[in-house]
Amino acid sequence: FRRNIHPTFGGPWQSCSCPAQDSEARVPKEYRVLSLIGHRLPPFSLRTLSEDTLFYFFYNFPGEEYQIGAANELYYRDWRYHKSLHVWMMRSQRGYVKEHGPTFEKGTYLVFDHTHWRKVQVELMIEYRELEDRPELPHYLRLLLTQQLFQQWDPFCFDQSNRLRTFKWKLFATCRNIFFFSRKKLML
C-alpha cells in the first residue's frame, strides 16, 4: 500500500496543519489505548520539558494548542518572540544591555536559529513593539497548569485517601472559580 504523504502533511511552516486524526488511514483498535489507560497517565507538564522540546512543539505544531502552550512556557523562561525577525531571543547571560531607551534596547542576545537548531549570540537593537506579548493559554492548559501548581504546593499530592483528594478538588474548584470570576470582572 503506497500513497503520497503530501496530502496529509501540513509541514511545520504551513498556515494550516493536517492533523493525523484527519487522515483517512485505518487505525487498529489495539493502538487506541488512550480511552483505556488515559486516566492512569501522569498529567502532561510543559514546565518539565527542555527548551529544545518546547522549540520543537512551537515550530512543528503550527496553529495548535501545543504551539501556544510552548510559546507561553518559553515566555515564562524569559524568551521573547521577535515579530519581524521571526525568531526567539533572550538577553545573553554573558552579554549586557549597552543602550537602553523607553522604546528600545541594544545589547547581546541569545537567538534560537531554527534552521540549524542551535542558540547563537547576536548583537542587536530591539524595539519593544516588535516583541510578541505573552500568548494566552487555551482553557484546558490553563486549568492543567493551575492543577500542577496545587500539586507542587501540596506535600501530600500522591496520597490517595478520599478525604484528601476531595479536599484538594474542592480547593482547586474554589480557586478556579475565583480566577474566572475576577477575569470576567476585568473584561466588563
Protein backbone atom coordinates (compact mmCIF):
# COMPACT_ATOMS: atom_id res chain seq x y z
CA PHE A 1 0.00 0.00 0.00
CA ARG A 2 1.74 3.15 -1.23
CA ARG A 3 0.50 6.69 -1.26
CA ASN A 4 1.95 10.18 -1.21
CA ILE A 5 2.35 11.82 2.17
CA HIS A 6 1.85 15.40 0.97
CA PRO A 7 -1.99 15.40 1.18
CA THR A 8 -1.82 14.74 4.94
CA PHE A 9 1.40 16.53 5.90
CA GLY A 10 0.93 20.24 6.52
CA GLY A 11 4.56 20.85 7.39
CA PRO A 12 5.96 22.99 10.18
CA TRP A 13 5.65 26.33 8.34
CA GLN A 14 2.23 25.92 6.75
CA SER A 15 -0.59 28.24 7.73
CA CYS A 16 -2.86 25.24 8.19
CA SER A 17 -1.97 21.87 9.55
CA CYS A 18 -3.37 18.50 8.63
CA PRO A 19 -3.55 16.62 11.93
CA ALA A 20 -3.18 12.87 11.97
CA GLN A 21 -6.77 12.41 13.13
CA ASP A 22 -7.98 13.98 9.86
CA SER A 23 -6.25 11.39 7.69
CA GLU A 24 -8.18 8.54 6.14
CA ALA A 25 -5.87 5.83 7.45
CA ARG A 26 -7.47 2.97 9.38
CA VAL A 27 -6.05 2.72 12.89
CA PRO A 28 -6.18 -0.74 14.50
CA LYS A 29 -8.13 -0.87 17.77
CA GLU A 30 -5.01 -2.15 19.56
CA TYR A 31 -3.42 1.26 19.01
CA ARG A 32 -6.33 3.17 20.55
CA VAL A 33 -5.30 2.83 24.17
CA LEU A 34 -5.94 6.37 25.41
CA SER A 35 -9.54 5.57 26.34
CA LEU A 36 -8.33 2.53 28.33
CA ILE A 37 -5.34 3.97 30.19
CA GLY A 38 -5.70 7.74 29.78
CA HIS A 39 -6.90 8.24 33.36
CA ARG A 40 -3.77 6.47 34.68
CA LEU A 41 -1.25 8.60 32.77
CA PRO A 42 0.56 11.34 34.69
CA PRO A 43 -0.51 14.90 33.87
CA PHE A 44 1.35 16.48 30.98
CA SER A 45 3.55 19.37 32.12
CA LEU A 46 5.27 21.84 29.82
CA ARG A 47 7.32 23.08 32.80
CA THR A 48 9.32 19.84 32.88
CA LEU A 49 10.27 19.88 29.19
CA SER A 50 13.63 21.06 27.87
CA GLU A 51 13.90 24.20 25.75
CA ASP A 52 14.69 22.08 22.68
CA THR A 53 11.42 20.20 23.11
CA LEU A 54 9.50 23.45 23.54
CA PHE A 55 11.05 24.84 20.35
CA TYR A 56 10.12 21.59 18.59
CA PHE A 57 6.49 21.99 19.74
CA PHE A 58 6.46 25.63 18.64
CA TYR A 59 7.78 25.00 15.13
CA ASN A 60 6.10 21.65 14.43
CA PHE A 61 2.56 22.21 15.71
CA PRO A 62 1.53 25.43 13.92
CA GLY A 63 -1.88 26.77 14.87
CA GLU A 64 -2.39 24.11 17.55
CA GLU A 65 -2.67 24.40 21.31
CA TYR A 66 0.75 22.79 21.80
CA GLN A 67 2.31 25.70 19.92
CA ILE A 68 0.58 28.24 22.16
CA GLY A 69 1.49 26.28 25.28
CA ALA A 70 5.14 26.03 24.20
CA ALA A 71 5.24 29.76 23.39
CA ASN A 72 3.77 30.55 26.81
CA GLU A 73 6.35 28.38 28.57
CA LEU A 74 9.22 29.89 26.55
CA TYR A 75 7.95 33.34 27.53
CA TYR A 76 7.93 32.19 31.17
CA ARG A 77 11.61 31.19 30.76
CA ASP A 78 12.49 34.73 29.55
CA TRP A 79 12.47 34.01 25.81
CA ARG A 80 10.75 36.61 23.61
CA TYR A 81 9.49 36.19 20.05
CA HIS A 82 10.54 38.92 17.60
CA LYS A 83 7.65 39.50 15.20
CA SER A 84 9.57 40.87 12.22
CA LEU A 85 12.67 38.64 12.50
CA HIS A 86 10.54 35.55 13.31
CA VAL A 87 12.99 34.27 15.91
CA TRP A 88 13.02 33.55 19.64
CA MET A 89 15.55 35.57 21.64
CA MET A 90 16.60 36.33 25.19
CA ARG A 91 19.19 38.50 26.85
CA SER A 92 22.53 36.73 26.92
CA GLN A 93 23.90 35.77 30.32
CA ARG A 94 27.40 36.83 29.24
CA GLY A 95 26.29 39.95 27.42
CA TYR A 96 24.65 43.05 28.74
CA VAL A 97 22.40 45.83 27.53
CA LYS A 98 24.65 48.55 26.09
CA GLU A 99 21.96 51.13 25.34
CA HIS A 100 18.56 51.41 26.89
CA GLY A 101 15.72 53.75 25.94
CA PRO A 102 11.98 53.94 26.57
CA THR A 103 11.17 52.13 23.31
CA PHE A 104 14.31 50.11 22.55
CA GLU A 105 17.43 48.44 23.87
CA LYS A 106 20.71 47.41 22.28
CA GLY A 107 22.87 44.58 23.52
CA THR A 108 23.94 40.95 23.20
CA TYR A 109 21.16 38.42 22.84
CA LEU A 110 20.86 34.67 22.58
CA VAL A 111 18.86 33.91 19.41
CA PHE A 112 17.43 30.49 18.60
CA ASP A 113 18.28 29.63 14.98
CA HIS A 114 15.58 27.15 13.94
CA THR A 115 17.25 26.36 10.59
CA HIS A 116 20.40 24.98 12.30
CA TRP A 117 18.64 24.17 15.60
CA ARG A 118 21.08 25.98 17.85
CA LYS A 119 21.38 29.07 20.04
CA VAL A 120 23.59 31.85 18.67
CA GLN A 121 24.83 35.03 20.35
CA VAL A 122 24.00 38.12 18.30
CA GLU A 123 24.30 41.85 18.90
CA LEU A 124 21.00 43.55 18.12
CA MET A 125 18.96 46.66 18.64
CA ILE A 126 15.44 45.67 19.64
CA GLU A 127 12.37 47.85 19.60
CA TYR A 128 9.92 46.72 22.26
CA ARG A 129 6.92 47.00 19.93
CA GLU A 130 8.48 44.27 17.76
CA LEU A 131 8.32 41.73 20.58
CA GLU A 132 5.28 39.48 20.85
CA ASP A 133 3.21 39.66 24.04
CA ARG A 134 2.76 36.62 26.24
CA PRO A 135 0.30 34.28 24.47
CA GLU A 136 -2.94 33.45 26.24
CA LEU A 137 -3.18 29.78 27.13
CA PRO A 138 -6.13 27.69 25.95
CA HIS A 139 -8.69 26.93 28.66
CA TYR A 140 -7.67 23.34 29.38
CA LEU A 141 -3.94 24.17 29.53
CA ARG A 142 -4.67 26.99 31.98
CA LEU A 143 -6.61 24.56 34.18
CA LEU A 144 -3.87 21.95 33.93
CA LEU A 145 -1.21 24.48 34.90
CA THR A 146 -3.29 25.58 37.91
CA GLN A 147 -3.74 21.96 38.96
CA GLN A 148 0.01 21.33 38.67
CA LEU A 149 0.76 24.39 40.80
CA PHE A 150 -1.53 23.00 43.51
CA GLN A 151 0.22 19.62 43.29
CA GLN A 152 3.57 21.35 43.82
CA TRP A 153 2.13 23.20 46.80
CA ASP A 154 0.50 20.12 48.36
CA PRO A 155 3.11 17.88 50.08
CA PHE A 156 0.60 15.01 50.12
CA CYS A 157 -0.39 15.19 46.44
CA PHE A 158 0.30 11.48 45.88
CA ASP A 159 -1.71 10.34 48.89
CA GLN A 160 -4.76 8.52 47.54
CA SER A 161 -7.04 8.91 50.59
CA ASN A 162 -10.52 10.02 49.58
CA ARG A 163 -10.74 12.80 52.17
CA LEU A 164 -7.55 14.46 50.99
CA ARG A 165 -8.45 14.06 47.32
CA THR A 166 -11.90 15.58 47.92
CA PHE A 167 -10.35 18.49 49.84
CA LYS A 168 -7.85 19.16 47.04
CA TRP A 169 -10.54 19.18 44.35
CA LYS A 170 -12.78 21.48 46.39
CA LEU A 171 -9.85 23.85 46.92
CA PHE A 172 -8.94 23.65 43.23
CA ALA A 173 -12.55 24.32 42.16
CA THR A 174 -12.83 27.28 44.54
CA CYS A 175 -9.60 28.87 43.29
CA ARG A 176 -10.61 28.22 39.68
CA ASN A 177 -13.96 29.96 40.26
CA ILE A 178 -12.24 32.92 41.90
CA PHE A 179 -9.82 33.15 38.97
CA PHE A 180 -12.57 33.10 36.32
CA PHE A 181 -14.86 35.44 38.28
CA SER A 182 -12.09 38.04 38.67
CA ARG A 183 -11.21 37.63 34.99
CA LYS A 184 -14.83 38.22 33.91
CA LYS A 185 -14.98 41.29 36.13
CA LEU A 186 -11.88 42.72 34.43
CA MET A 187 -13.39 42.12 30.99
CA LEU A 188 -16.52 44.14 31.90
